[in-house]
Amino acid sequence: MDNPIATEFDIPFTVENVLAGYRQGIFPMGDDEDDLIYWFRPDPRAILPLEDFHIPRSLQRAMDNGEFEVTANRAFTDVMIGCGEGRPVWITDRIHDLYNQLHELKKAHSVEIWSGEKLIGGIYGVQLGGVFMAESKFHRVTNASKIALTKLVERLGERGFAVLEVQYLTEHLQQFGALEISNEEYLLRLDEATRLECEF
């Protein structure tokens, strides 16, 4: 884990505390080895400006040529399972259980990409007002996770969201226009955007 700011002993892992944490700019990740929950506050923080989202040409061609279906909140649990495949297990059973509770409360959402009846990619995250905090995405077919991200951005833009937070900047996210801002700036944007009334 990279620079956790607290362990579960400092912040009990409950739905109420997780939502309060997001409002303060922190988010949880599990550790399957010690069954603990760690809390993180990146500084700088990565965001994807919705108005400047860039779709690479190769991805646009794949979207134009591909046959797939896009849905939202049809298979939230399955998206979480997909996001935990083949990587360090931070989406532990405790994370699964709590985020499914958030989903039932309409505080966590997913976008799914289908090929026929097969789930081939998706992304999920948490919503507070006009802010969407993307947690993780996955693909089982080339470009499916990128398509999921693109469709998420389209959805957020259409519904008046102001902030898409993506935690840490990576080369993968930079190709879409992601950038870093200070945690101080992020908290200002977070406070303003959570006041919006947006429907996912």
N, C-alpha and C. Protein backbone atom coordinates (compact mmCIF):
# COMPACT_ATOMS: atom_id res chain seq x y z
N MET A 1 0.83 -1.20 0.00
CA MET A 1 0.00 0.00 0.00
C MET A 1 0.87 1.25 0.00
N ASP A 2 0.45 2.25 -0.72
CA ASP A 2 1.23 3.46 -0.90
C ASP A 2 0.73 4.58 0.00
N ASN A 3 1.48 4.88 1.06
CA ASN A 3 1.19 6.02 1.92
C ASN A 3 -0.23 6.05 2.47
N PRO A 4 -0.66 4.99 3.16
CA PRO A 4 -1.99 5.07 3.78
C PRO A 4 -1.95 6.12 4.88
N ILE A 5 -3.05 6.86 5.06
CA ILE A 5 -3.06 7.89 6.10
C ILE A 5 -3.65 7.36 7.39
N ALA A 6 -4.32 6.22 7.34
CA ALA A 6 -4.89 5.67 8.56
C ALA A 6 -5.27 4.22 8.33
N THR A 7 -5.45 3.46 9.39
CA THR A 7 -5.90 2.09 9.30
C THR A 7 -7.32 2.02 9.81
N GLU A 8 -7.88 0.83 9.74
CA GLU A 8 -9.26 0.66 10.20
C GLU A 8 -9.41 0.99 11.68
N PHE A 9 -8.31 0.95 12.42
CA PHE A 9 -8.41 1.24 13.85
C PHE A 9 -8.69 2.72 14.09
N ASP A 10 -8.39 3.57 13.11
CA ASP A 10 -8.65 4.99 13.24
C ASP A 10 -10.02 5.37 12.69
N ILE A 11 -10.44 4.69 11.62
CA ILE A 11 -11.72 5.00 10.99
C ILE A 11 -12.47 3.69 10.77
N PRO A 12 -13.48 3.41 11.56
CA PRO A 12 -14.25 2.18 11.37
C PRO A 12 -14.82 2.10 9.96
N PHE A 13 -14.82 0.91 9.40
CA PHE A 13 -15.21 0.71 8.01
C PHE A 13 -16.71 0.48 7.94
N THR A 14 -17.46 1.57 7.83
CA THR A 14 -18.91 1.52 7.72
C THR A 14 -19.34 2.36 6.52
N VAL A 15 -20.57 2.14 6.07
CA VAL A 15 -21.10 2.93 4.96
C VAL A 15 -21.03 4.41 5.27
N GLU A 16 -21.45 4.78 6.48
CA GLU A 16 -21.47 6.18 6.86
C GLU A 16 -20.08 6.78 6.85
N ASN A 17 -19.11 6.05 7.37
CA ASN A 17 -17.73 6.58 7.43
C ASN A 17 -17.08 6.62 6.06
N VAL A 18 -17.41 5.66 5.20
CA VAL A 18 -16.85 5.69 3.85
C VAL A 18 -17.36 6.91 3.09
N LEU A 19 -18.65 7.18 3.17
CA LEU A 19 -19.20 8.36 2.51
C LEU A 19 -18.64 9.64 3.10
N ALA A 20 -18.49 9.67 4.42
CA ALA A 20 -17.88 10.84 5.06
C ALA A 20 -16.43 11.00 4.62
N GLY A 21 -15.74 9.87 4.46
CA GLY A 21 -14.36 9.92 3.99
C GLY A 21 -14.25 10.50 2.60
N TYR A 22 -15.11 10.05 1.69
CA TYR A 22 -15.08 10.60 0.33
C TYR A 22 -15.32 12.10 0.34
N ARG A 23 -16.19 12.56 1.22
CA ARG A 23 -16.45 14.00 1.30
C ARG A 23 -15.23 14.77 1.80
N GLN A 24 -14.33 14.08 2.49
CA GLN A 24 -13.10 14.70 2.98
C GLN A 24 -11.90 14.40 2.09
N GLY A 25 -12.15 13.75 0.96
CA GLY A 25 -11.08 13.48 0.02
C GLY A 25 -10.27 12.24 0.31
N ILE A 26 -10.80 11.31 1.09
CA ILE A 26 -10.08 10.06 1.35
C ILE A 26 -10.92 8.88 0.89
N PHE A 27 -10.25 7.77 0.60
CA PHE A 27 -10.96 6.59 0.14
C PHE A 27 -10.27 5.34 0.69
N PRO A 28 -11.03 4.24 0.83
CA PRO A 28 -10.47 3.01 1.42
C PRO A 28 -9.99 2.02 0.38
N MET A 29 -9.02 1.22 0.78
CA MET A 29 -8.60 0.06 0.00
C MET A 29 -8.33 -1.07 0.99
N GLY A 30 -8.68 -2.28 0.58
CA GLY A 30 -8.46 -3.42 1.45
C GLY A 30 -7.09 -4.05 1.23
N ASP A 31 -6.69 -4.86 2.19
CA ASP A 31 -5.46 -5.64 2.08
C ASP A 31 -5.81 -7.07 2.46
N ASP A 32 -5.78 -7.95 1.46
CA ASP A 32 -6.20 -9.33 1.68
C ASP A 32 -5.27 -10.08 2.62
N GLU A 33 -4.02 -9.65 2.73
CA GLU A 33 -3.06 -10.37 3.55
C GLU A 33 -3.32 -10.19 5.04
N ASP A 34 -3.66 -8.96 5.45
CA ASP A 34 -3.88 -8.73 6.88
C ASP A 34 -5.33 -8.41 7.21
N ASP A 35 -6.21 -8.44 6.18
CA ASP A 35 -7.64 -8.20 6.37
C ASP A 35 -7.91 -6.82 6.98
N LEU A 36 -7.05 -5.85 6.69
CA LEU A 36 -7.26 -4.50 7.16
C LEU A 36 -7.78 -3.62 6.04
N ILE A 37 -8.34 -2.50 6.42
CA ILE A 37 -8.75 -1.47 5.49
C ILE A 37 -7.83 -0.28 5.69
N TYR A 38 -7.21 0.18 4.60
CA TYR A 38 -6.34 1.35 4.67
C TYR A 38 -7.02 2.51 3.95
N TRP A 39 -6.74 3.72 4.43
CA TRP A 39 -7.35 4.91 3.89
C TRP A 39 -6.29 5.77 3.21
N PHE A 40 -6.65 6.36 2.06
CA PHE A 40 -5.68 7.08 1.26
C PHE A 40 -6.17 8.49 0.92
N ARG A 41 -5.22 9.42 0.86
CA ARG A 41 -5.50 10.78 0.40
C ARG A 41 -4.34 11.21 -0.49
N PRO A 42 -4.41 10.92 -1.80
CA PRO A 42 -3.31 11.29 -2.70
C PRO A 42 -3.13 12.81 -2.77
N ASP A 43 -1.90 13.23 -2.85
CA ASP A 43 -1.59 14.64 -3.07
C ASP A 43 -0.30 14.71 -3.87
N PRO A 44 -0.36 15.02 -5.17
CA PRO A 44 -1.53 15.52 -5.90
C PRO A 44 -2.56 14.44 -6.19
N ARG A 45 -3.72 14.92 -6.64
CA ARG A 45 -4.86 14.06 -6.95
C ARG A 45 -5.13 14.12 -8.45
N ALA A 46 -5.49 12.97 -9.02
CA ALA A 46 -5.76 12.92 -10.46
C ALA A 46 -7.25 13.07 -10.74
N ILE A 47 -7.56 13.89 -11.73
CA ILE A 47 -8.93 14.05 -12.19
C ILE A 47 -8.95 13.96 -13.71
N LEU A 48 -10.13 13.67 -14.25
CA LEU A 48 -10.33 13.66 -15.70
C LEU A 48 -11.33 14.77 -16.02
N PRO A 49 -10.86 15.89 -16.55
CA PRO A 49 -11.80 16.98 -16.89
C PRO A 49 -12.82 16.50 -17.92
N LEU A 50 -14.07 16.58 -17.57
CA LEU A 50 -15.12 16.06 -18.45
C LEU A 50 -15.20 16.82 -19.76
N GLU A 51 -14.93 18.14 -19.69
CA GLU A 51 -15.07 18.95 -20.89
C GLU A 51 -13.88 18.80 -21.84
N ASP A 52 -12.77 18.24 -21.35
CA ASP A 52 -11.57 18.10 -22.18
C ASP A 52 -11.19 16.64 -22.39
N PHE A 53 -12.14 15.75 -22.22
CA PHE A 53 -11.86 14.32 -22.38
C PHE A 53 -11.45 14.03 -23.81
N HIS A 54 -10.34 13.31 -23.96
CA HIS A 54 -9.79 13.02 -25.29
C HIS A 54 -9.93 11.54 -25.60
N ILE A 55 -10.54 11.23 -26.73
CA ILE A 55 -10.67 9.84 -27.18
C ILE A 55 -9.60 9.56 -28.23
N PRO A 56 -8.63 8.70 -27.95
CA PRO A 56 -7.61 8.37 -28.95
C PRO A 56 -8.25 7.83 -30.23
N ARG A 57 -7.62 8.12 -31.37
CA ARG A 57 -8.18 7.72 -32.66
C ARG A 57 -8.40 6.22 -32.75
N SER A 58 -7.43 5.45 -32.24
CA SER A 58 -7.56 3.99 -32.34
C SER A 58 -8.77 3.51 -31.55
N LEU A 59 -9.04 4.15 -30.42
CA LEU A 59 -10.20 3.76 -29.63
C LEU A 59 -11.49 4.16 -30.33
N GLN A 60 -11.49 5.34 -30.93
CA GLN A 60 -12.68 5.78 -31.66
C GLN A 60 -13.00 4.82 -32.79
N ARG A 61 -11.95 4.34 -33.50
CA ARG A 61 -12.18 3.38 -34.58
C ARG A 61 -12.76 2.09 -34.04
N ALA A 62 -12.23 1.64 -32.90
CA ALA A 62 -12.74 0.41 -32.29
C ALA A 62 -14.19 0.56 -31.87
N MET A 63 -14.54 1.75 -31.37
CA MET A 63 -15.91 2.00 -30.97
C MET A 63 -16.84 2.06 -32.18
N ASP A 64 -16.34 2.66 -33.26
CA ASP A 64 -17.15 2.77 -34.48
C ASP A 64 -17.37 1.42 -35.14
N ASN A 65 -16.36 0.56 -35.04
CA ASN A 65 -16.41 -0.73 -35.75
C ASN A 65 -16.95 -1.86 -34.89
N GLY A 66 -16.95 -1.68 -33.58
CA GLY A 66 -17.31 -2.78 -32.69
C GLY A 66 -18.81 -2.92 -32.51
N GLU A 67 -19.20 -4.12 -32.16
CA GLU A 67 -20.59 -4.40 -31.81
C GLU A 67 -20.63 -4.74 -30.33
N PHE A 68 -21.16 -3.82 -29.56
CA PHE A 68 -21.24 -4.04 -28.12
C PHE A 68 -22.43 -3.28 -27.57
N GLU A 69 -22.84 -3.65 -26.37
CA GLU A 69 -23.95 -2.98 -25.70
C GLU A 69 -23.42 -2.33 -24.44
N VAL A 70 -23.92 -1.13 -24.15
CA VAL A 70 -23.53 -0.40 -22.95
C VAL A 70 -24.73 -0.32 -22.01
N THR A 71 -24.52 -0.68 -20.75
CA THR A 71 -25.58 -0.56 -19.75
C THR A 71 -25.01 0.12 -18.51
N ALA A 72 -25.90 0.50 -17.63
CA ALA A 72 -25.50 1.10 -16.35
C ALA A 72 -26.24 0.41 -15.22
N ASN A 73 -25.49 0.02 -14.20
CA ASN A 73 -26.06 -0.57 -12.98
C ASN A 73 -26.83 -1.87 -13.23
N ARG A 74 -26.50 -2.56 -14.31
CA ARG A 74 -27.13 -3.85 -14.56
C ARG A 74 -26.38 -4.97 -13.82
N ALA A 75 -25.06 -4.82 -13.67
CA ALA A 75 -24.26 -5.92 -13.12
C ALA A 75 -23.15 -5.37 -12.22
N PHE A 76 -23.54 -4.58 -11.23
CA PHE A 76 -22.55 -3.92 -10.37
C PHE A 76 -21.62 -4.93 -9.71
N THR A 77 -22.18 -5.95 -9.10
CA THR A 77 -21.35 -6.95 -8.41
C THR A 77 -20.38 -7.62 -9.36
N ASP A 78 -20.84 -7.96 -10.56
CA ASP A 78 -19.98 -8.63 -11.53
C ASP A 78 -18.85 -7.71 -12.01
N VAL A 79 -19.14 -6.42 -12.10
CA VAL A 79 -18.08 -5.48 -12.46
C VAL A 79 -17.01 -5.45 -11.37
N MET A 80 -17.44 -5.41 -10.12
CA MET A 80 -16.46 -5.45 -9.03
C MET A 80 -15.61 -6.72 -9.07
N ILE A 81 -16.25 -7.83 -9.36
CA ILE A 81 -15.51 -9.10 -9.48
C ILE A 81 -14.50 -9.01 -10.60
N GLY A 82 -14.92 -8.46 -11.75
CA GLY A 82 -14.01 -8.31 -12.88
C GLY A 82 -12.83 -7.43 -12.54
N CYS A 83 -13.08 -6.37 -11.78
CA CYS A 83 -12.01 -5.44 -11.42
C CYS A 83 -10.97 -6.09 -10.50
N GLY A 84 -11.35 -7.16 -9.83
CA GLY A 84 -10.41 -7.84 -8.93
C GLY A 84 -9.64 -8.97 -9.58
N GLU A 85 -9.87 -9.22 -10.85
CA GLU A 85 -9.22 -10.33 -11.53
C GLU A 85 -7.78 -10.00 -11.90
N GLY A 86 -6.87 -10.90 -11.58
CA GLY A 86 -5.51 -10.83 -12.09
C GLY A 86 -4.70 -9.65 -11.60
N ARG A 87 -4.94 -9.19 -10.38
CA ARG A 87 -4.18 -8.06 -9.85
C ARG A 87 -4.11 -8.19 -8.34
N PRO A 88 -3.29 -7.39 -7.66
CA PRO A 88 -3.27 -7.46 -6.20
C PRO A 88 -4.67 -7.27 -5.62
N VAL A 89 -4.98 -8.08 -4.62
CA VAL A 89 -6.35 -8.13 -4.11
C VAL A 89 -6.59 -7.01 -3.11
N TRP A 90 -6.93 -5.81 -3.59
CA TRP A 90 -7.36 -4.75 -2.68
C TRP A 90 -8.88 -4.68 -2.61
N ILE A 91 -9.55 -5.28 -3.61
CA ILE A 91 -11.01 -5.38 -3.56
C ILE A 91 -11.33 -6.67 -2.80
N THR A 92 -11.22 -6.58 -1.50
CA THR A 92 -11.40 -7.74 -0.63
C THR A 92 -12.89 -8.00 -0.40
N ASP A 93 -13.19 -9.07 0.31
CA ASP A 93 -14.58 -9.39 0.60
C ASP A 93 -15.26 -8.25 1.35
N ARG A 94 -14.53 -7.61 2.25
CA ARG A 94 -15.12 -6.50 3.01
C ARG A 94 -15.42 -5.32 2.09
N ILE A 95 -14.52 -5.06 1.13
CA ILE A 95 -14.77 -4.00 0.15
C ILE A 95 -15.99 -4.36 -0.70
N HIS A 96 -16.05 -5.60 -1.16
CA HIS A 96 -17.20 -6.05 -1.95
C HIS A 96 -18.50 -5.81 -1.20
N ASP A 97 -18.55 -6.26 0.03
CA ASP A 97 -19.80 -6.18 0.80
C ASP A 97 -20.23 -4.72 1.00
N LEU A 98 -19.30 -3.86 1.35
CA LEU A 98 -19.68 -2.49 1.65
C LEU A 98 -20.07 -1.73 0.39
N TYR A 99 -19.35 -1.94 -0.71
CA TYR A 99 -19.68 -1.20 -1.93
C TYR A 99 -20.99 -1.70 -2.54
N ASN A 100 -21.33 -2.94 -2.30
CA ASN A 100 -22.65 -3.40 -2.73
C ASN A 100 -23.74 -2.74 -1.89
N GLN A 101 -23.45 -2.47 -0.62
CA GLN A 101 -24.40 -1.70 0.18
C GLN A 101 -24.53 -0.28 -0.37
N LEU A 102 -23.40 0.33 -0.75
CA LEU A 102 -23.45 1.66 -1.35
C LEU A 102 -24.27 1.64 -2.64
N HIS A 103 -24.11 0.57 -3.40
CA HIS A 103 -24.88 0.46 -4.65
C HIS A 103 -26.37 0.38 -4.35
N GLU A 104 -26.75 -0.38 -3.35
CA GLU A 104 -28.15 -0.49 -2.99
C GLU A 104 -28.71 0.86 -2.54
N LEU A 105 -27.86 1.70 -1.97
CA LEU A 105 -28.26 3.03 -1.53
C LEU A 105 -28.17 4.06 -2.66
N LYS A 106 -27.82 3.60 -3.87
CA LYS A 106 -27.66 4.46 -5.05
C LYS A 106 -26.53 5.48 -4.87
N LYS A 107 -25.51 5.07 -4.13
CA LYS A 107 -24.32 5.89 -3.95
C LYS A 107 -23.13 5.35 -4.74
N ALA A 108 -23.23 4.14 -5.26
CA ALA A 108 -22.19 3.54 -6.07
C ALA A 108 -22.83 3.01 -7.35
N HIS A 109 -22.11 3.18 -8.47
CA HIS A 109 -22.69 2.86 -9.77
C HIS A 109 -21.66 2.17 -10.66
N SER A 110 -22.17 1.53 -11.69
CA SER A 110 -21.28 0.85 -12.65
C SER A 110 -21.76 1.10 -14.07
N VAL A 111 -20.81 1.03 -14.98
CA VAL A 111 -21.09 1.01 -16.41
C VAL A 111 -20.54 -0.31 -16.94
N GLU A 112 -21.35 -1.00 -17.71
CA GLU A 112 -20.97 -2.32 -18.21
C GLU A 112 -20.90 -2.32 -19.73
N ILE A 113 -19.96 -3.10 -20.26
CA ILE A 113 -19.82 -3.31 -21.70
C ILE A 113 -20.05 -4.80 -21.98
N TRP A 114 -20.97 -5.07 -22.91
CA TRP A 114 -21.38 -6.44 -23.19
C TRP A 114 -21.11 -6.79 -24.65
N SER A 115 -20.77 -8.04 -24.87
CA SER A 115 -20.76 -8.63 -26.20
C SER A 115 -21.75 -9.78 -26.15
N GLY A 116 -22.94 -9.55 -26.71
CA GLY A 116 -24.00 -10.52 -26.51
C GLY A 116 -24.37 -10.58 -25.05
N GLU A 117 -24.34 -11.78 -24.48
CA GLU A 117 -24.65 -11.96 -23.07
C GLU A 117 -23.39 -11.96 -22.19
N LYS A 118 -22.24 -11.72 -22.80
CA LYS A 118 -20.97 -11.81 -22.06
C LYS A 118 -20.52 -10.43 -21.61
N LEU A 119 -20.22 -10.29 -20.32
CA LEU A 119 -19.68 -9.05 -19.78
C LEU A 119 -18.20 -8.99 -20.12
N ILE A 120 -17.80 -8.00 -20.92
CA ILE A 120 -16.42 -7.95 -21.40
C ILE A 120 -15.62 -6.79 -20.80
N GLY A 121 -16.29 -5.90 -20.08
CA GLY A 121 -15.58 -4.79 -19.47
C GLY A 121 -16.52 -3.96 -18.62
N GLY A 122 -15.93 -3.11 -17.79
CA GLY A 122 -16.77 -2.24 -16.97
C GLY A 122 -15.94 -1.34 -16.08
N ILE A 123 -16.64 -0.45 -15.40
CA ILE A 123 -16.03 0.49 -14.47
C ILE A 123 -17.04 0.78 -13.37
N TYR A 124 -16.55 1.03 -12.15
CA TYR A 124 -17.48 1.37 -11.07
C TYR A 124 -16.87 2.46 -10.20
N GLY A 125 -17.72 3.12 -9.44
CA GLY A 125 -17.25 4.17 -8.55
C GLY A 125 -18.36 4.67 -7.66
N VAL A 126 -18.07 5.75 -6.94
CA VAL A 126 -18.97 6.31 -5.94
C VAL A 126 -19.40 7.70 -6.36
N GLN A 127 -20.65 8.03 -6.14
CA GLN A 127 -21.20 9.34 -6.48
C GLN A 127 -21.55 10.13 -5.24
N LEU A 128 -21.16 11.39 -5.23
CA LEU A 128 -21.62 12.35 -4.24
C LEU A 128 -22.04 13.60 -5.00
N GLY A 129 -23.33 13.85 -5.12
CA GLY A 129 -23.80 15.02 -5.85
C GLY A 129 -23.33 14.99 -7.29
N GLY A 130 -22.53 16.01 -7.67
CA GLY A 130 -22.01 16.09 -9.02
C GLY A 130 -20.57 15.61 -9.14
N VAL A 131 -20.15 14.76 -8.22
CA VAL A 131 -18.79 14.18 -8.25
C VAL A 131 -18.91 12.67 -8.42
N PHE A 132 -18.07 12.12 -9.31
CA PHE A 132 -17.98 10.67 -9.44
C PHE A 132 -16.53 10.28 -9.17
N MET A 133 -16.33 9.42 -8.17
CA MET A 133 -15.00 8.93 -7.82
C MET A 133 -14.84 7.54 -8.42
N ALA A 134 -14.10 7.44 -9.53
CA ALA A 134 -13.91 6.16 -10.19
C ALA A 134 -12.97 5.29 -9.36
N GLU A 135 -13.39 4.08 -9.08
CA GLU A 135 -12.61 3.18 -8.24
C GLU A 135 -11.75 2.22 -9.05
N SER A 136 -12.33 1.58 -10.03
CA SER A 136 -11.57 0.59 -10.79
C SER A 136 -12.32 0.24 -12.07
N LYS A 137 -11.58 -0.29 -13.05
CA LYS A 137 -12.19 -0.76 -14.28
C LYS A 137 -11.47 -2.03 -14.73
N PHE A 138 -12.08 -2.74 -15.67
CA PHE A 138 -11.48 -3.99 -16.13
C PHE A 138 -11.90 -4.26 -17.57
N HIS A 139 -11.18 -5.17 -18.21
CA HIS A 139 -11.57 -5.63 -19.54
C HIS A 139 -11.24 -7.10 -19.70
N ARG A 140 -12.05 -7.77 -20.46
CA ARG A 140 -11.81 -9.16 -20.87
C ARG A 140 -11.61 -9.25 -22.37
N VAL A 141 -11.86 -8.13 -23.06
CA VAL A 141 -11.62 -7.98 -24.48
C VAL A 141 -10.89 -6.66 -24.67
N THR A 142 -9.93 -6.62 -25.60
CA THR A 142 -9.16 -5.40 -25.84
C THR A 142 -10.06 -4.20 -26.01
N ASN A 143 -9.69 -3.12 -25.32
CA ASN A 143 -10.36 -1.81 -25.37
C ASN A 143 -11.66 -1.73 -24.57
N ALA A 144 -12.13 -2.83 -24.01
CA ALA A 144 -13.44 -2.79 -23.33
C ALA A 144 -13.43 -1.86 -22.12
N SER A 145 -12.33 -1.82 -21.37
CA SER A 145 -12.29 -0.92 -20.21
C SER A 145 -12.20 0.53 -20.66
N LYS A 146 -11.52 0.78 -21.77
CA LYS A 146 -11.43 2.14 -22.30
C LYS A 146 -12.80 2.61 -22.80
N ILE A 147 -13.52 1.70 -23.41
CA ILE A 147 -14.87 2.04 -23.85
C ILE A 147 -15.76 2.33 -22.65
N ALA A 148 -15.61 1.54 -21.59
CA ALA A 148 -16.39 1.77 -20.37
C ALA A 148 -16.10 3.16 -19.81
N LEU A 149 -14.83 3.54 -19.77
CA LEU A 149 -14.47 4.86 -19.28
C LEU A 149 -15.07 5.95 -20.16
N THR A 150 -14.97 5.77 -21.46
CA THR A 150 -15.53 6.76 -22.40
C THR A 150 -17.03 6.91 -22.22
N LYS A 151 -17.73 5.81 -22.07
CA LYS A 151 -19.18 5.87 -21.89
C LYS A 151 -19.55 6.45 -20.53
N LEU A 152 -18.72 6.21 -19.53
CA LEU A 152 -18.93 6.86 -18.23
C LEU A 152 -18.83 8.37 -18.37
N VAL A 153 -17.79 8.84 -19.04
CA VAL A 153 -17.60 10.28 -19.22
C VAL A 153 -18.79 10.88 -19.97
N GLU A 154 -19.24 10.20 -21.01
CA GLU A 154 -20.42 10.68 -21.76
C GLU A 154 -21.62 10.81 -20.83
N ARG A 155 -21.83 9.81 -20.03
CA ARG A 155 -22.98 9.80 -19.12
C ARG A 155 -22.90 10.93 -18.11
N LEU A 156 -21.73 11.12 -17.52
CA LEU A 156 -21.56 12.18 -16.52
C LEU A 156 -21.76 13.55 -17.15
N GLY A 157 -21.22 13.74 -18.35
CA GLY A 157 -21.38 15.02 -19.03
C GLY A 157 -22.83 15.33 -19.35
N GLU A 158 -23.55 14.32 -19.80
CA GLU A 158 -24.97 14.50 -20.15
C GLU A 158 -25.81 14.84 -18.94
N ARG A 159 -25.37 14.41 -17.76
CA ARG A 159 -26.17 14.58 -16.55
C ARG A 159 -25.66 15.71 -15.64
N GLY A 160 -24.74 16.50 -16.15
CA GLY A 160 -24.34 17.70 -15.44
C GLY A 160 -23.34 17.52 -14.32
N PHE A 161 -22.63 16.40 -14.30
CA PHE A 161 -21.59 16.21 -13.30
C PHE A 161 -20.45 17.20 -13.54
N ALA A 162 -19.74 17.54 -12.47
CA ALA A 162 -18.67 18.54 -12.56
C ALA A 162 -17.28 17.95 -12.37
N VAL A 163 -17.16 16.84 -11.65
CA VAL A 163 -15.84 16.29 -11.32
C VAL A 163 -15.83 14.78 -11.52
N LEU A 164 -14.81 14.29 -12.21
CA LEU A 164 -14.52 12.86 -12.29
C LEU A 164 -13.13 12.65 -11.71
N GLU A 165 -13.08 12.05 -10.55
CA GLU A 165 -11.82 11.84 -9.83
C GLU A 165 -11.33 10.42 -10.11
N VAL A 166 -10.02 10.28 -10.41
CA VAL A 166 -9.46 8.98 -10.77
C VAL A 166 -8.26 8.60 -9.90
N GLN A 167 -8.14 9.24 -8.75
CA GLN A 167 -7.16 8.91 -7.73
C GLN A 167 -5.73 9.24 -8.13
N TYR A 168 -5.08 8.37 -8.92
CA TYR A 168 -3.67 8.54 -9.24
C TYR A 168 -3.47 8.70 -10.77
N LEU A 169 -2.57 9.57 -11.15
CA LEU A 169 -2.30 9.77 -12.57
C LEU A 169 -1.43 8.64 -13.11
N THR A 170 -1.84 8.08 -14.24
CA THR A 170 -1.06 7.05 -14.92
C THR A 170 -0.93 7.43 -16.39
N GLU A 171 0.02 6.81 -17.08
CA GLU A 171 0.16 7.07 -18.52
C GLU A 171 -1.12 6.67 -19.24
N HIS A 172 -1.73 5.60 -18.79
CA HIS A 172 -2.98 5.14 -19.40
C HIS A 172 -4.05 6.23 -19.34
N LEU A 173 -4.19 6.89 -18.18
CA LEU A 173 -5.21 7.92 -18.02
C LEU A 173 -4.82 9.23 -18.70
N GLN A 174 -3.51 9.47 -18.80
CA GLN A 174 -3.06 10.71 -19.45
C GLN A 174 -3.50 10.79 -20.90
N GLN A 175 -3.60 9.65 -21.57
CA GLN A 175 -3.99 9.67 -22.99
C GLN A 175 -5.42 10.17 -23.17
N PHE A 176 -6.21 10.16 -22.09
CA PHE A 176 -7.58 10.66 -22.15
C PHE A 176 -7.69 12.11 -21.66
N GLY A 177 -6.58 12.69 -21.23
CA GLY A 177 -6.60 14.07 -20.76
C GLY A 177 -6.56 14.23 -19.25
N ALA A 178 -6.29 13.15 -18.52
CA ALA A 178 -6.20 13.24 -17.07
C ALA A 178 -5.05 14.14 -16.65
N LEU A 179 -5.23 14.81 -15.53
CA LEU A 179 -4.19 15.69 -15.02
C LEU A 179 -4.20 15.66 -13.50
N GLU A 180 -3.15 16.22 -12.92
CA GLU A 180 -3.02 16.28 -11.47
C GLU A 180 -3.32 17.68 -10.96
N ILE A 181 -4.00 17.73 -9.82
CA ILE A 181 -4.19 18.99 -9.11
C ILE A 181 -3.81 18.74 -7.65
N SER A 182 -3.56 19.80 -6.92
CA SER A 182 -3.21 19.64 -5.52
C SER A 182 -4.42 19.12 -4.75
N ASN A 183 -4.16 18.49 -3.63
CA ASN A 183 -5.26 18.01 -2.81
C ASN A 183 -6.11 19.18 -2.33
N GLU A 184 -5.48 20.31 -2.06
CA GLU A 184 -6.21 21.50 -1.64
C GLU A 184 -7.21 21.94 -2.71
N GLU A 185 -6.75 21.96 -3.97
CA GLU A 185 -7.63 22.34 -5.07
C GLU A 185 -8.74 21.30 -5.26
N TYR A 186 -8.39 20.04 -5.11
CA TYR A 186 -9.39 18.99 -5.24
C TYR A 186 -10.49 19.14 -4.20
N LEU A 187 -10.11 19.43 -2.96
CA LEU A 187 -11.11 19.58 -1.90
C LEU A 187 -12.04 20.75 -2.18
N LEU A 188 -11.53 21.82 -2.76
CA LEU A 188 -12.37 22.96 -3.13
C LEU A 188 -13.39 22.55 -4.20
N ARG A 189 -12.90 21.84 -5.23
CA ARG A 189 -13.80 21.38 -6.29
C ARG A 189 -14.81 20.38 -5.76
N LEU A 190 -14.34 19.51 -4.88
CA LEU A 190 -15.20 18.49 -4.28
C LEU A 190 -16.34 19.14 -3.51
N ASP A 191 -16.01 20.12 -2.68
CA ASP A 191 -17.02 20.78 -1.87
C ASP A 191 -18.07 21.45 -2.74
N GLU A 192 -17.63 22.10 -3.78
CA GLU A 192 -18.57 22.80 -4.67
C GLU A 192 -19.44 21.81 -5.46
N ALA A 193 -18.81 20.78 -5.98
CA ALA A 193 -19.53 19.86 -6.87
C ALA A 193 -20.50 18.93 -6.10
N THR A 194 -20.19 18.61 -4.86
CA THR A 194 -21.11 17.76 -4.09
C THR A 194 -22.42 18.46 -3.80
N ARG A 195 -22.47 19.76 -3.98
CA ARG A 195 -23.71 20.52 -3.75
C ARG A 195 -24.68 20.39 -4.93
N LEU A 196 -24.19 19.88 -6.05
CA LEU A 196 -25.04 19.71 -7.22
C LEU A 196 -25.99 18.53 -7.01
N GLU A 197 -27.13 18.60 -7.66
CA GLU A 197 -28.08 17.50 -7.63
C GLU A 197 -28.07 16.81 -8.99
N CYS A 198 -27.34 15.73 -9.06
CA CYS A 198 -27.19 15.00 -10.33
C CYS A 198 -27.71 13.57 -10.18
N GLU A 199 -28.34 13.10 -11.23
CA GLU A 199 -28.83 11.71 -11.26
C GLU A 199 -27.91 10.90 -12.16
N PHE A 200 -27.38 9.81 -11.65
CA PHE A 200 -26.49 8.99 -12.47
C PHE A 200 -27.26 8.29 -13.58
